[in-house]
Amino acid sequence: NSRKRKALEDALLNLSKRQRECIYYYFYQSMGYGEVASIMGLSSVKSARNLIYKSIDSLKSQLEPLKNNLLAIFFAL
């Protein structure tokens, strides 16, 4: 479990500041797309959703060996 946590922390650090921010709001603060869009000054809910999806895709690529457990890793924190 600590290995998974370290892998996730490392992957998060490789994201851009904006990507980390949207992941933080969406997963750690349980905000919806509309709230993320508003707090980050994005033009639409669709923009927030796209940013979150792209951030998750980047994490998945970095965590390829752990890909099947990505959501489990988030909820384990």
C-alpha atoms as a PDB file:
ATOM      1  CA  ASN A   1       0.000   0.000   0.000  1.00  0.00           C
ATOM      2  CA  SER A   2       2.839   2.425   0.788  1.00  0.00           C
ATOM      3  CA  ARG A   3       4.384   1.533  -2.588  1.00  0.00           C
ATOM      4  CA  LYS A   4       1.129   2.472  -4.319  1.00  0.00           C
ATOM      5  CA  ARG A   5       0.868   5.694  -2.350  1.00  0.00           C
ATOM      6  CA  LYS A   6       4.449   6.663  -3.242  1.00  0.00           C
ATOM      7  CA  ALA A   7       3.822   5.851  -6.923  1.00  0.00           C
ATOM      8  CA  LEU A   8       0.714   8.049  -6.891  1.00  0.00           C
ATOM      9  CA  GLU A   9       2.508  10.907  -5.121  1.00  0.00           C
ATOM     10  CA  ASP A  10       5.323  10.761  -7.678  1.00  0.00           C
ATOM     11  CA  ALA A  11       2.848  10.687 -10.570  1.00  0.00           C
ATOM     12  CA  LEU A  12       0.948  13.659  -9.141  1.00  0.00           C
ATOM     13  CA  LEU A  13       4.182  15.643  -8.928  1.00  0.00           C
ATOM     14  CA  ASN A  14       4.731  15.034 -12.648  1.00  0.00           C
ATOM     15  CA  LEU A  15       1.415  16.703 -13.500  1.00  0.00           C
ATOM     16  CA  SER A  16       1.216  20.405 -14.230  1.00  0.00           C
ATOM     17  CA  LYS A  17       0.151  22.671 -11.373  1.00  0.00           C
ATOM     18  CA  ARG A  18      -3.251  23.134 -13.002  1.00  0.00           C
ATOM     19  CA  GLN A  19      -3.738  19.384 -13.413  1.00  0.00           C
ATOM     20  CA  ARG A  20      -2.814  18.753  -9.767  1.00  0.00           C
ATOM     21  CA  GLU A  21      -5.218  21.494  -8.725  1.00  0.00           C
ATOM     22  CA  CYS A  22      -8.181  20.006 -10.583  1.00  0.00           C
ATOM     23  CA  ILE A  23      -7.392  16.511  -9.237  1.00  0.00           C
ATOM     24  CA  TYR A  24      -7.255  17.951  -5.728  1.00  0.00           C
ATOM     25  CA  TYR A  25     -10.628  19.644  -6.009  1.00  0.00           C
ATOM     26  CA  TYR A  26     -12.347  16.758  -7.757  1.00  0.00           C
ATOM     27  CA  PHE A  27     -11.013  13.786  -5.777  1.00  0.00           C
ATOM     28  CA  TYR A  28      -9.837  15.186  -2.455  1.00  0.00           C
ATOM     29  CA  GLN A  29     -12.481  17.890  -1.957  1.00  0.00           C
ATOM     30  CA  SER A  30     -15.273  15.936  -3.716  1.00  0.00           C
ATOM     31  CA  MET A  31     -16.246  18.928  -5.863  1.00  0.00           C
ATOM     32  CA  GLY A  32     -18.311  18.498  -9.002  1.00  0.00           C
ATOM     33  CA  TYR A  33     -17.269  19.643 -12.455  1.00  0.00           C
ATOM     34  CA  GLY A  34     -19.214  22.886 -12.093  1.00  0.00           C
ATOM     35  CA  GLU A  35     -17.520  23.733  -8.811  1.00  0.00           C
ATOM     36  CA  VAL A  36     -14.088  22.922 -10.245  1.00  0.00           C
ATOM     37  CA  ALA A  37     -14.800  25.111 -13.277  1.00  0.00           C
ATOM     38  CA  SER A  38     -15.915  27.986 -11.076  1.00  0.00           C
ATOM     39  CA  ILE A  39     -13.059  27.903  -8.570  1.00  0.00           C
ATOM     40  CA  MET A  40     -10.419  27.467 -11.290  1.00  0.00           C
ATOM     41  CA  GLY A  41     -11.890  30.176 -13.511  1.00  0.00           C
ATOM     42  CA  LEU A  42     -12.585  27.815 -16.399  1.00  0.00           C
ATOM     43  CA  SER A  43     -15.025  28.874 -19.096  1.00  0.00           C
ATOM     44  CA  SER A  44     -17.360  25.888 -18.789  1.00  0.00           C
ATOM     45  CA  VAL A  45     -18.149  22.634 -17.047  1.00  0.00           C
ATOM     46  CA  LYS A  46     -16.936  20.879 -20.192  1.00  0.00           C
ATOM     47  CA  SER A  47     -13.516  22.522 -19.794  1.00  0.00           C
ATOM     48  CA  ALA A  48     -13.271  21.260 -16.210  1.00  0.00           C
ATOM     49  CA  ARG A  49     -14.330  17.776 -17.244  1.00  0.00           C
ATOM     50  CA  ASN A  50     -11.764  17.702 -20.059  1.00  0.00           C
ATOM     51  CA  LEU A  51      -8.976  18.911 -17.773  1.00  0.00           C
ATOM     52  CA  ILE A  52      -9.835  16.271 -15.175  1.00  0.00           C
ATOM     53  CA  TYR A  53     -10.013  13.513 -17.801  1.00  0.00           C
ATOM     54  CA  LYS A  54      -6.668  14.529 -19.312  1.00  0.00           C
ATOM     55  CA  SER A  55      -5.107  14.625 -15.852  1.00  0.00           C
ATOM     56  CA  ILE A  56      -6.412  11.145 -15.084  1.00  0.00           C
ATOM     57  CA  ASP A  57      -5.115   9.885 -18.443  1.00  0.00           C
ATOM     58  CA  SER A  58      -1.693  11.249 -17.603  1.00  0.00           C
ATOM     59  CA  LEU A  59      -1.774   9.531 -14.219  1.00  0.00           C
ATOM     60  CA  LYS A  60      -2.866   6.268 -15.833  1.00  0.00           C
ATOM     61  CA  SER A  61       0.040   6.425 -18.249  1.00  0.00           C
ATOM     62  CA  GLN A  62       2.491   7.008 -15.430  1.00  0.00           C
ATOM     63  CA  LEU A  63       0.976   4.304 -13.254  1.00  0.00           C
ATOM     64  CA  GLU A  64       0.652   1.678 -15.973  1.00  0.00           C
ATOM     65  CA  PRO A  65       1.572  -1.250 -13.693  1.00  0.00           C
ATOM     66  CA  LEU A  66      -1.034  -0.089 -11.174  1.00  0.00           C
ATOM     67  CA  LYS A  67      -3.594   1.071 -13.745  1.00  0.00           C
ATOM     68  CA  ASN A  68      -6.349  -1.294 -12.640  1.00  0.00           C
ATOM     69  CA  ASN A  69      -6.112   0.000  -9.090  1.00  0.00           C
ATOM     70  CA  LEU A  70      -6.007   3.751  -9.830  1.00  0.00           C
ATOM     71  CA  LEU A  71      -9.342   4.618  -8.217  1.00  0.00           C
ATOM     72  CA  ALA A  72      -8.631   2.320  -5.302  1.00  0.00           C
ATOM     73  CA  ILE A  73      -5.373   4.205  -4.750  1.00  0.00           C
ATOM     74  CA  PHE A  74      -7.218   7.550  -4.622  1.00  0.00           C
ATOM     75  CA  PHE A  75      -9.726   6.284  -2.090  1.00  0.00           C
ATOM     76  CA  ALA A  76      -7.006   4.690   0.042  1.00  0.00           C
ATOM     77  CA  LEU A  77      -5.478   8.105   0.831  1.00  0.00           C
END
